[in-house]
Structures are given as structure tokens and as C-alpha cells.
């Protein structure tokens, strides 16, 4: 069985570590009437256990690191609570923990397939096709007779299927071992794609863009992602062996991000940034700190991306207009620490970022320990110097 339910689909607990109410109710009710996705999966696996404990591969294909591990731990958490309450046998938990019976392969998937795009609909209708308008459900889900998606596509799956599998490699799937899956994920998420996306997201919002493809026509923003990827990421990139990192990043910058038929929005990508920067930028910073031949203080463009995110948190665009921020579990906490900052008032910026930049939970490291805290502070002050300062700062560092 396979999953594409987004990373949040596996979450059982809130930020305080308490089970979400629906999960708590599912735990109390047992496998009879589950509602949360992970409780439903645990209940289905319990039926399979009762029917003979037959083997099965439970495959997450969601776009998050260690996805198989996240799926396994979530299902096991529910099953163990049921066992504690005497609702299932201990043998059921043992069945889930036996990877010769139930395997949770890791995977890395990479193909952007955003919401059906109006310009794609128009192009299809101009070519003579009819009834191309999408249906929009009451939950704001789009159902269309067409899909706008990238041509490049990557699916790398750990080859751990205790009950056999189809010849997925014949369809272009990379079947490999767990380390290779993990290294492919690290290549994508920490250097070659996701950091570039986040840099474009925060600066795109500040500069009024609503399309990533349009941003790639902006000379400074295109140069920013080139500098982050080619100059600062490549020295520490993880090469998975099955995909060449340089070929991958060339494809990202030259073909994927500028694709006008992939109308991905910076506002969407800016969602949950506080949960992403530790992986997307912090891992590269840590790699610089760990290698004696590299100096993290030499980094310029990653700090510029981080300063851009801090500037974004002021909720004011580069024209000085109020700007709606994308949802983020730390939004209230972060914006509260910047409440005293006023655009165009350098004095109000002094010391305002100390608590944020020194927090390893946000960046994966204390940025002051990496020799980058003061640099980000200085760049932030430049970005907040007044209306137009974001563009002026980008021009200063990127020409």
C-alpha cells in the first residue's frame, strides 16, 4: 500500500506533545472506528494480522525526509496505545515491528504537480479541447480533466518488499538501498532544490511576485539561487551515486523553476518556513562547520536568504505595504520577537534577532557559533532600511 498524504498526514501530536483530539479519541475507541489517517492504517493492518499476519510493504511516497520511518513510528504509536488499553494483542505490535512481515521502505519523490493552472486550461481550450474547467469542491480541492506537471520526475524507493513487488524499475523508478534513498533526499533537500525554493519564496513575497517562474526572470533572484546552489551548496553536496548533483541542479535552475506552466506560488512555498530552514540551510552550515577546509563565516548568499526570511516576518513588503504571512506553527512566537522593529528605523533593529538566530531548534545550529549571526543581523538591517531596501540590498550583493 502506498501513501501521498503530505507530511502533516502522519502527525499525531501538537507542538505541546499532546495527541490531537481525533487521535486521542481513536486511541480510546480502538481499531473499531478510526478516523485519523494513521489510526485507519493501524486498523487495516490489524485486520491483515487477524487474517493470517501476511506480509506487506507500507510505502510512503510523501515529500519528507525519512518518510518510511515517520509512517512506521506513527502507526506503531497508535498500535502500542491500543495494546496498553488491552484493545489489541501484543503479537499485533510484534507483527508491525517485524520487517520480514511489515516493511516501511523509505522513498524520495520529486515532481512538482501544483493546482490546475488557468493558463494551461486556456491553452488547451485554444487548441480545440472543451470542458477543461476544473471543479472546485467545498473543501477548495481542484479536480480537473488535465494535469500540469513537470517533465522531470524522480522516484527512489528502498527495495524492501517482503511480499514481492511489480517491476517498478521498468517504469523508471530507482530501486535501491536505504542509504542511497537518504543521500538522494539530502542532495535534493539540503542543497540542490529546496533551499533555492525557500530563498525564492521569501523574497518573492517581499517583492510582490505570485509565481516562482516569474521570479526566475528577475536577474537578482535568479543569481541568488545560482549562488546558493552552485557556489555555497556544491562544496558540501551529498552525491547519491544514482543521480549526478550537478546535472540535477542544472535541471532545477534552467528547466524546472522557470517553467511557466508550473504556476507554483512563493506564498505557498513560504508556508511552515520555521520547520524547514534547519534542513534546507542548517545542514549546509553544519557541513561547513565540520570540515576544517571550509569556513562557515565565508558564506554570503545563505545568510542573505536567512536575513530575507527574517525581513519577511515583519509582514511588510518592499513597498512598505502590509503583507499577509503564510501559515507557520512558530509565526506568533517569531513575529512577537520582531514586534519592536520599524521599517526605516535602524535603531529598532539592534539586537532584535538575537533570540531567533541563536536558536538551534530553528536553524539546526546557533548561527553565532557558526560566525554568521552578526552577518545576518547586518543584512537584515539593510533589508529593513525602508521602502525599496529589499531590492537595493539584492542589487548590492548580486549586481
Protein backbone atom coordinates (compact mmCIF):
# COMPACT_ATOMS: atom_id res chain seq x y z
CA UNK A 1 0.00 0.00 0.00
CA UNK A 2 1.28 3.48 -0.82
CA UNK A 3 0.73 6.95 0.58
CA UNK A 4 0.75 10.53 -0.67
CA UNK A 5 -0.97 12.37 2.18
CA UNK A 6 1.61 15.15 2.84
CA UNK A 7 3.95 15.23 5.82
CA UNK A 8 1.21 16.54 8.10
CA UNK A 9 -0.82 13.40 7.42
CA UNK A 10 1.49 11.42 9.71
CA UNK A 11 1.38 13.86 12.63
CA UNK A 12 -0.28 12.54 15.79
CA UNK A 13 0.68 15.26 18.25
CA UNK A 14 0.65 19.03 18.50
CA UNK A 15 3.58 21.27 19.43
CA UNK A 16 2.99 20.59 23.13
CA UNK A 17 3.41 16.85 22.59
CA UNK A 18 -0.25 16.03 23.27
CA UNK A 19 -2.22 13.80 20.93
CA UNK A 20 -4.58 15.66 18.62
CA UNK A 21 -8.19 15.23 19.90
CA UNK A 22 -9.18 12.98 16.99
CA UNK A 23 -6.18 10.72 17.66
CA UNK A 24 -6.88 10.62 21.39
CA UNK A 25 -10.45 9.57 20.62
CA UNK A 26 -9.21 6.92 18.16
CA UNK A 27 -6.90 5.52 20.82
CA UNK A 28 -9.79 5.31 23.27
CA UNK A 29 -12.13 3.70 20.72
CA UNK A 30 -9.62 1.16 19.46
CA UNK A 31 -9.47 -0.26 15.93
CA UNK A 32 -13.25 -0.35 15.53
CA UNK A 33 -14.00 3.24 14.46
CA UNK A 34 -10.79 5.06 13.48
CA UNK A 35 -10.85 8.50 11.86
CA UNK A 36 -7.28 9.81 11.76
CA UNK A 37 -5.21 8.52 8.81
CA UNK A 38 -2.69 6.69 10.97
CA UNK A 39 -5.41 5.09 13.10
CA UNK A 40 -7.14 3.89 9.93
CA UNK A 41 -3.89 2.35 8.67
CA UNK A 42 -3.27 0.67 12.03
CA UNK A 43 -6.82 -0.74 11.96
CA UNK A 44 -6.38 -2.07 8.42
CA UNK A 45 -3.10 -3.72 9.39
CA UNK A 46 -4.84 -5.25 12.39
CA UNK A 47 -7.37 -6.86 10.03
CA UNK A 48 -4.49 -8.25 7.98
CA UNK A 49 -2.86 -9.55 11.16
CA UNK A 50 -6.09 -11.32 12.17
CA UNK A 51 -6.42 -12.78 8.66
CA UNK A 52 -3.09 -14.58 8.92
CA UNK A 53 -0.39 -11.99 9.63
CA UNK A 54 0.50 -11.89 5.94
CA UNK A 55 3.49 -9.83 4.77
CA UNK A 56 3.08 -6.34 3.30
CA UNK A 57 5.08 -3.28 2.22
CA UNK A 58 3.70 0.01 3.58
CA UNK A 59 5.25 2.66 1.33
CA UNK A 60 5.20 6.39 1.98
CA UNK A 61 5.86 8.49 -1.12
CA UNK A 62 5.41 11.80 0.61
CA UNK A 63 7.91 14.59 0.11
CA UNK A 64 9.61 14.48 3.50
CA UNK A 65 12.87 13.07 4.85
CA UNK A 66 12.81 9.56 6.34
CA UNK A 67 9.18 9.21 5.27
CA UNK A 68 9.08 5.45 5.88
CA UNK A 69 10.33 5.99 9.41
CA UNK A 70 7.68 8.66 10.06
CA UNK A 71 4.94 6.35 8.80
CA UNK A 72 6.20 3.39 10.84
CA UNK A 73 6.56 5.36 14.07
CA UNK A 74 3.07 6.86 13.71
CA UNK A 75 1.36 3.52 13.07
CA UNK A 76 3.30 1.88 15.91
CA UNK A 77 2.40 4.70 18.31
CA UNK A 78 -1.30 4.04 17.75
CA UNK A 79 -0.91 0.25 17.94
CA UNK A 80 1.07 0.42 21.20
CA UNK A 81 -1.56 2.64 22.80
CA UNK A 82 -4.20 0.11 21.79
CA UNK A 83 -2.11 -2.68 23.30
CA UNK A 84 -1.74 -0.76 26.58
CA UNK A 85 -5.52 -0.41 26.71
CA UNK A 86 -5.99 -4.13 26.06
CA UNK A 87 -7.66 -3.49 22.70
CA UNK A 88 -5.18 -5.48 20.57
CA UNK A 89 -2.78 -8.34 21.25
CA UNK A 90 0.94 -7.87 21.90
CA UNK A 91 1.50 -10.15 18.93
CA UNK A 92 0.00 -7.46 16.66
CA UNK A 93 2.64 -4.95 17.74
CA UNK A 94 5.31 -7.61 17.22
CA UNK A 95 3.94 -8.20 13.71
CA UNK A 96 4.30 -4.49 12.91
CA UNK A 97 7.85 -4.43 14.28
CA UNK A 98 8.97 -7.47 12.26
CA UNK A 99 10.31 -6.08 8.96
CA UNK A 100 10.16 -9.54 7.38
CA UNK A 101 6.40 -9.21 7.83
CA UNK A 102 5.61 -5.48 7.57
CA UNK A 103 8.19 -3.26 5.89
CA UNK A 104 8.15 0.54 5.74
CA UNK A 105 10.51 1.37 2.85
CA UNK A 106 11.92 4.89 2.61
CA UNK A 107 11.50 6.83 -0.61
CA UNK A 108 12.42 10.11 -2.27
CA UNK A 109 9.95 11.60 -4.71
CA UNK A 110 10.48 14.76 -6.70
CA UNK A 111 7.95 16.11 -9.18
CA UNK A 112 6.01 19.33 -8.74
CA UNK A 113 2.32 18.90 -9.63
CA UNK A 114 0.56 22.06 -8.46
CA UNK A 115 -3.07 23.13 -8.64
CA UNK A 116 -4.55 23.08 -12.18
CA UNK A 117 -3.45 26.29 -13.87
CA UNK A 118 -5.69 28.75 -15.65
CA UNK A 119 -3.15 29.36 -18.40
CA UNK A 120 -2.95 25.61 -19.09
CA UNK A 121 -6.75 25.46 -19.30
CA UNK A 122 -6.73 28.40 -21.73
CA UNK A 123 -4.02 26.83 -23.90
CA UNK A 124 -5.94 23.55 -24.11
CA UNK A 125 -9.18 25.33 -25.00
CA UNK A 126 -7.42 27.37 -27.69
CA UNK A 127 -6.23 24.09 -29.22
CA UNK A 128 -9.86 22.94 -29.55
CA UNK A 129 -10.43 20.90 -26.39
CA UNK A 130 -13.65 21.62 -24.49
CA UNK A 131 -14.88 21.25 -20.90
CA UNK A 132 -11.45 21.95 -19.44
CA UNK A 133 -12.68 23.98 -16.45
CA UNK A 134 -11.81 22.39 -13.09
CA UNK A 135 -14.42 21.52 -10.48
CA UNK A 136 -13.73 23.20 -7.13
CA UNK A 137 -15.09 21.26 -4.17
CA UNK A 138 -16.46 22.66 -0.91
CA UNK A 139 -13.03 21.99 0.62
CA UNK A 140 -11.32 24.05 -2.10
CA UNK A 141 -9.90 20.95 -3.78
CA UNK A 142 -9.45 21.25 -7.54
CA UNK A 143 -10.48 18.38 -9.81
CA UNK A 144 -9.57 18.95 -13.45
CA UNK A 145 -9.54 16.90 -16.67
CA UNK A 146 -5.88 17.80 -17.16
CA UNK A 147 -2.72 17.83 -15.05
CA UNK A 148 0.01 20.44 -15.27
CA UNK A 149 3.18 18.84 -14.00
CA UNK A 150 6.92 18.87 -14.55
CA UNK A 151 8.59 16.74 -17.20
CA UNK A 152 11.47 15.79 -14.82
CA UNK A 153 10.40 13.19 -12.29
CA UNK A 154 12.30 11.15 -9.73
CA UNK A 155 11.10 8.30 -7.55
CA UNK A 156 13.71 6.46 -5.50
CA UNK A 157 12.46 3.61 -3.28
CA UNK A 158 14.19 1.37 -0.78
CA UNK A 159 13.89 -2.16 -2.18
CA UNK A 160 12.27 -3.75 0.86
CA UNK A 161 9.09 -5.58 -0.17
CA UNK A 162 8.52 -8.74 1.92
CA UNK A 163 5.61 -9.91 -0.24
CA UNK A 164 7.17 -9.21 -3.65
CA UNK A 165 6.56 -6.24 -5.94
CA UNK A 166 5.95 -5.24 -9.57
CA UNK A 167 8.94 -4.44 -11.81
CA UNK A 168 8.84 -0.77 -10.82
CA UNK A 169 12.31 -0.16 -12.26
CA UNK A 170 10.84 -0.86 -15.73
CA UNK A 171 8.80 2.34 -15.32
CA UNK A 172 11.84 4.42 -14.32
CA UNK A 173 11.70 4.01 -10.54
CA UNK A 174 15.11 3.80 -8.88
CA UNK A 175 15.04 0.69 -6.65
CA UNK A 176 17.95 0.83 -4.24
CA UNK A 177 19.08 0.63 -0.60
CA UNK A 178 18.12 2.91 2.29
CA UNK A 179 21.40 4.84 2.35
CA UNK A 180 21.04 5.77 -1.31
CA UNK A 181 17.45 6.90 -0.75
CA UNK A 182 18.61 9.03 2.17
CA UNK A 183 21.53 10.51 0.21
CA UNK A 184 19.28 11.36 -2.73
CA UNK A 185 16.90 13.10 -0.33
CA UNK A 186 19.77 15.03 1.26
CA UNK A 187 21.07 16.12 -2.14
CA UNK A 188 17.65 17.49 -3.08
CA UNK A 189 16.52 18.93 0.25
CA UNK A 190 19.75 20.42 1.64
CA UNK A 191 21.50 21.79 -1.44
CA UNK A 192 20.05 21.33 -4.92
CA UNK A 193 16.36 22.24 -4.78
CA UNK A 194 14.60 23.02 -1.52
CA UNK A 195 16.96 25.80 -0.31
CA UNK A 196 16.51 27.54 -3.65
CA UNK A 197 12.74 27.26 -3.32
CA UNK A 198 12.75 28.82 0.16
CA UNK A 199 15.01 31.71 -0.92
CA UNK A 200 12.67 32.43 -3.84
CA UNK A 201 9.62 32.11 -1.58
CA UNK A 202 10.53 34.76 0.98
CA UNK A 203 11.98 37.24 -1.49
CA UNK A 204 9.14 36.62 -3.94
CA UNK A 205 6.60 37.57 -1.28
CA UNK A 206 8.55 40.69 -0.36
CA UNK A 207 8.81 41.80 -3.98
CA UNK A 208 5.17 41.09 -4.86
CA UNK A 209 5.62 38.03 -7.03
CA UNK A 210 2.91 35.37 -7.24
CA UNK A 211 4.82 32.93 -9.45
CA UNK A 212 8.14 31.13 -8.98
CA UNK A 213 8.59 31.02 -12.76
CA UNK A 214 8.23 34.80 -12.95
CA UNK A 215 10.83 35.19 -10.22
CA UNK A 216 13.32 33.28 -12.34
CA UNK A 217 13.10 36.14 -14.89
CA UNK A 218 14.32 38.51 -12.14
CA UNK A 219 18.08 38.97 -12.55
CA UNK A 220 18.90 39.27 -8.85
CA UNK A 221 16.67 36.40 -7.71
CA UNK A 222 17.97 34.05 -10.40
CA UNK A 223 21.52 34.94 -9.43
CA UNK A 224 20.70 34.41 -5.73
CA UNK A 225 19.63 30.80 -6.26
CA UNK A 226 22.60 30.17 -8.56
CA UNK A 227 24.96 31.43 -5.86
CA UNK A 228 23.28 29.39 -3.10
CA UNK A 229 23.28 26.24 -5.21
CA UNK A 230 26.43 26.31 -7.30
CA UNK A 231 28.81 28.29 -5.06
CA UNK A 232 27.75 27.52 -1.50
CA UNK A 233 25.92 24.19 -1.75
CA UNK A 234 28.10 22.22 -4.16
CA UNK A 235 31.20 22.10 -1.91
CA UNK A 236 29.22 20.01 0.62
CA UNK A 237 26.66 18.31 -1.61
CA UNK A 238 25.93 14.63 -0.93
CA UNK A 239 26.33 12.62 -4.13
CA UNK A 240 23.91 9.69 -4.05
CA UNK A 241 25.59 7.95 -6.97
CA UNK A 242 22.42 7.28 -8.96
CA UNK A 243 21.78 10.95 -9.88
CA UNK A 244 24.56 13.45 -10.60
CA UNK A 245 24.12 16.51 -8.35
CA UNK A 246 25.40 18.98 -10.93
CA UNK A 247 23.06 17.64 -13.61
CA UNK A 248 20.20 17.75 -11.10
CA UNK A 249 20.76 21.37 -10.07
CA UNK A 250 21.25 22.49 -13.69
CA UNK A 251 17.87 20.96 -14.48
CA UNK A 252 16.30 22.71 -11.47
CA UNK A 253 17.63 26.18 -12.32
CA UNK A 254 17.45 26.04 -16.11
CA UNK A 255 14.30 23.99 -16.72
CA UNK A 256 12.17 23.40 -13.65
CA UNK A 257 11.97 26.66 -11.74
CA UNK A 258 11.46 28.85 -14.87
CA UNK A 259 8.65 26.63 -16.25
CA UNK A 260 5.63 28.97 -16.74
CA UNK A 261 3.22 26.01 -16.83
CA UNK A 262 4.08 25.17 -13.21
CA UNK A 263 2.36 28.12 -11.52
CA UNK A 264 3.73 27.45 -8.07
CA UNK A 265 3.44 30.44 -5.76
CA UNK A 266 6.06 31.80 -3.35
CA UNK A 267 3.24 32.29 -0.84
CA UNK A 268 2.61 28.52 -0.80
CA UNK A 269 6.28 27.63 -0.51
CA UNK A 270 6.72 30.14 2.34
CA UNK A 271 4.36 28.03 4.47
CA UNK A 272 5.97 26.50 7.60
CA UNK A 273 9.39 28.02 6.85
CA UNK A 274 10.42 27.77 10.50
CA UNK A 275 10.12 24.00 10.17
CA UNK A 276 12.25 23.92 7.02
CA UNK A 277 15.28 26.20 7.45
CA UNK A 278 17.16 23.81 9.75
CA UNK A 279 17.20 21.21 6.99
CA UNK A 280 17.32 23.43 3.92
CA UNK A 281 20.11 25.70 5.17
CA UNK A 282 21.25 24.44 8.57
CA UNK A 283 22.62 21.18 7.21
CA UNK A 284 24.90 23.02 4.79
CA UNK A 285 26.06 25.37 7.57
CA UNK A 286 26.81 22.36 9.80
CA UNK A 287 28.78 20.73 7.00
CA UNK A 288 30.89 23.90 6.67
CA UNK A 289 31.47 23.86 10.45
CA UNK A 290 32.53 20.20 10.40
CA UNK A 291 35.08 20.49 7.60
CA UNK A 292 38.39 22.12 8.51
CA UNK A 293 38.98 23.26 4.92
CA UNK A 294 35.72 25.24 4.91
CA UNK A 295 34.76 28.35 6.88
CA UNK A 296 31.04 28.95 7.50
CA UNK A 297 31.78 32.65 8.02
CA UNK A 298 32.70 32.79 4.32
CA UNK A 299 29.08 32.16 3.35
CA UNK A 300 27.21 35.16 1.91
CA UNK A 301 24.14 34.03 0.00
CA UNK A 302 22.73 31.55 2.51
CA UNK A 303 22.87 34.30 5.20
CA UNK A 304 21.18 36.62 2.70
CA UNK A 305 18.36 34.08 2.32
CA UNK A 306 18.01 33.78 6.11
CA UNK A 307 18.02 37.56 6.53
CA UNK A 308 15.33 37.69 3.84
CA UNK A 309 13.18 35.31 5.84
CA UNK A 310 13.58 37.47 8.96
CA UNK A 311 12.67 40.55 6.91
CA UNK A 312 9.62 38.66 5.57
CA UNK A 313 8.47 38.09 9.18
CA UNK A 314 7.89 41.84 9.54
CA UNK A 315 4.77 41.29 7.36
CA UNK A 316 5.54 44.38 5.28
CA UNK A 317 6.55 44.15 1.62
CA UNK A 318 9.31 46.12 -0.08
CA UNK A 319 6.90 48.96 -0.86
CA UNK A 320 6.05 49.33 2.82
CA UNK A 321 2.59 47.77 2.46
CA UNK A 322 1.11 45.26 4.90
CA UNK A 323 1.62 41.71 3.66
CA UNK A 324 -0.18 38.55 4.72
CA UNK A 325 2.20 35.89 6.02
CA UNK A 326 1.81 32.21 5.16
CA UNK A 327 0.85 29.87 7.98
CA UNK A 328 3.63 28.64 10.26
CA UNK A 329 3.44 26.97 13.70
CA UNK A 330 6.01 29.44 15.08
CA UNK A 331 4.58 32.54 13.42
CA UNK A 332 3.19 34.18 16.55
CA UNK A 333 6.35 33.49 18.52
CA UNK A 334 8.69 34.78 15.79
CA UNK A 335 6.73 37.88 14.85
CA UNK A 336 6.38 38.70 18.53
CA UNK A 337 10.16 38.92 18.87
CA UNK A 338 10.24 41.40 15.99
CA UNK A 339 7.30 43.48 17.18
CA UNK A 340 9.52 46.46 18.00
CA UNK A 341 11.17 46.68 14.59
CA UNK A 342 10.08 49.62 12.44
CA UNK A 343 10.86 49.87 8.76
CA UNK A 344 13.33 52.69 8.18
CA UNK A 345 14.44 52.85 11.82
CA UNK A 346 17.89 51.19 12.11
CA UNK A 347 17.96 51.61 15.88
CA UNK A 348 14.89 49.40 16.24
CA UNK A 349 16.75 46.53 14.56
CA UNK A 350 19.61 46.33 17.07
CA UNK A 351 19.58 43.07 18.97
CA UNK A 352 16.13 42.12 17.69
CA UNK A 353 17.30 38.88 16.09
CA UNK A 354 19.47 37.51 18.90
CA UNK A 355 16.93 35.04 20.27
CA UNK A 356 15.89 33.86 16.82
CA UNK A 357 19.35 33.42 15.30
CA UNK A 358 20.79 31.68 18.37
CA UNK A 359 18.01 29.06 18.42
CA UNK A 360 19.32 25.67 17.15
CA UNK A 361 15.74 24.38 17.03
CA UNK A 362 15.10 26.81 14.17
CA UNK A 363 18.36 26.73 12.23
CA UNK A 364 19.89 23.43 13.30
CA UNK A 365 22.78 25.42 14.82
CA UNK A 366 23.38 28.57 16.81
CA UNK A 367 24.22 30.95 13.95
CA UNK A 368 26.53 32.96 16.22
CA UNK A 369 28.58 29.82 16.88
CA UNK A 370 28.87 29.45 13.10
CA UNK A 371 30.13 33.01 12.76
CA UNK A 372 27.01 34.02 10.83
CA UNK A 373 24.76 35.68 13.42
CA UNK A 374 26.20 39.16 13.05
CA UNK A 375 26.24 38.86 9.25
CA UNK A 376 22.54 38.00 9.17
CA UNK A 377 21.80 40.86 11.59
CA UNK A 378 23.64 43.31 9.34
CA UNK A 379 21.88 42.10 6.21
CA UNK A 380 18.52 42.26 7.96
CA UNK A 381 19.15 45.89 8.93
CA UNK A 382 19.93 46.68 5.28
CA UNK A 383 16.75 44.93 4.11
CA UNK A 384 14.68 46.86 6.67
CA UNK A 385 16.20 50.28 5.92
CA UNK A 386 12.95 51.48 4.33
CA UNK A 387 10.76 51.04 1.24
CA UNK A 388 12.82 49.73 -1.67
CA UNK A 389 15.59 48.46 0.61
CA UNK A 390 14.97 44.79 -0.25
CA UNK A 391 15.65 45.42 -3.91
CA UNK A 392 18.59 47.71 -3.14
CA UNK A 393 20.16 45.05 -0.90
CA UNK A 394 19.76 42.37 -3.55
CA UNK A 395 21.42 44.65 -6.09
CA UNK A 396 24.25 45.35 -3.67
CA UNK A 397 25.09 41.69 -3.16
CA UNK A 398 24.10 40.32 -6.57
CA UNK A 399 24.75 43.12 -9.03
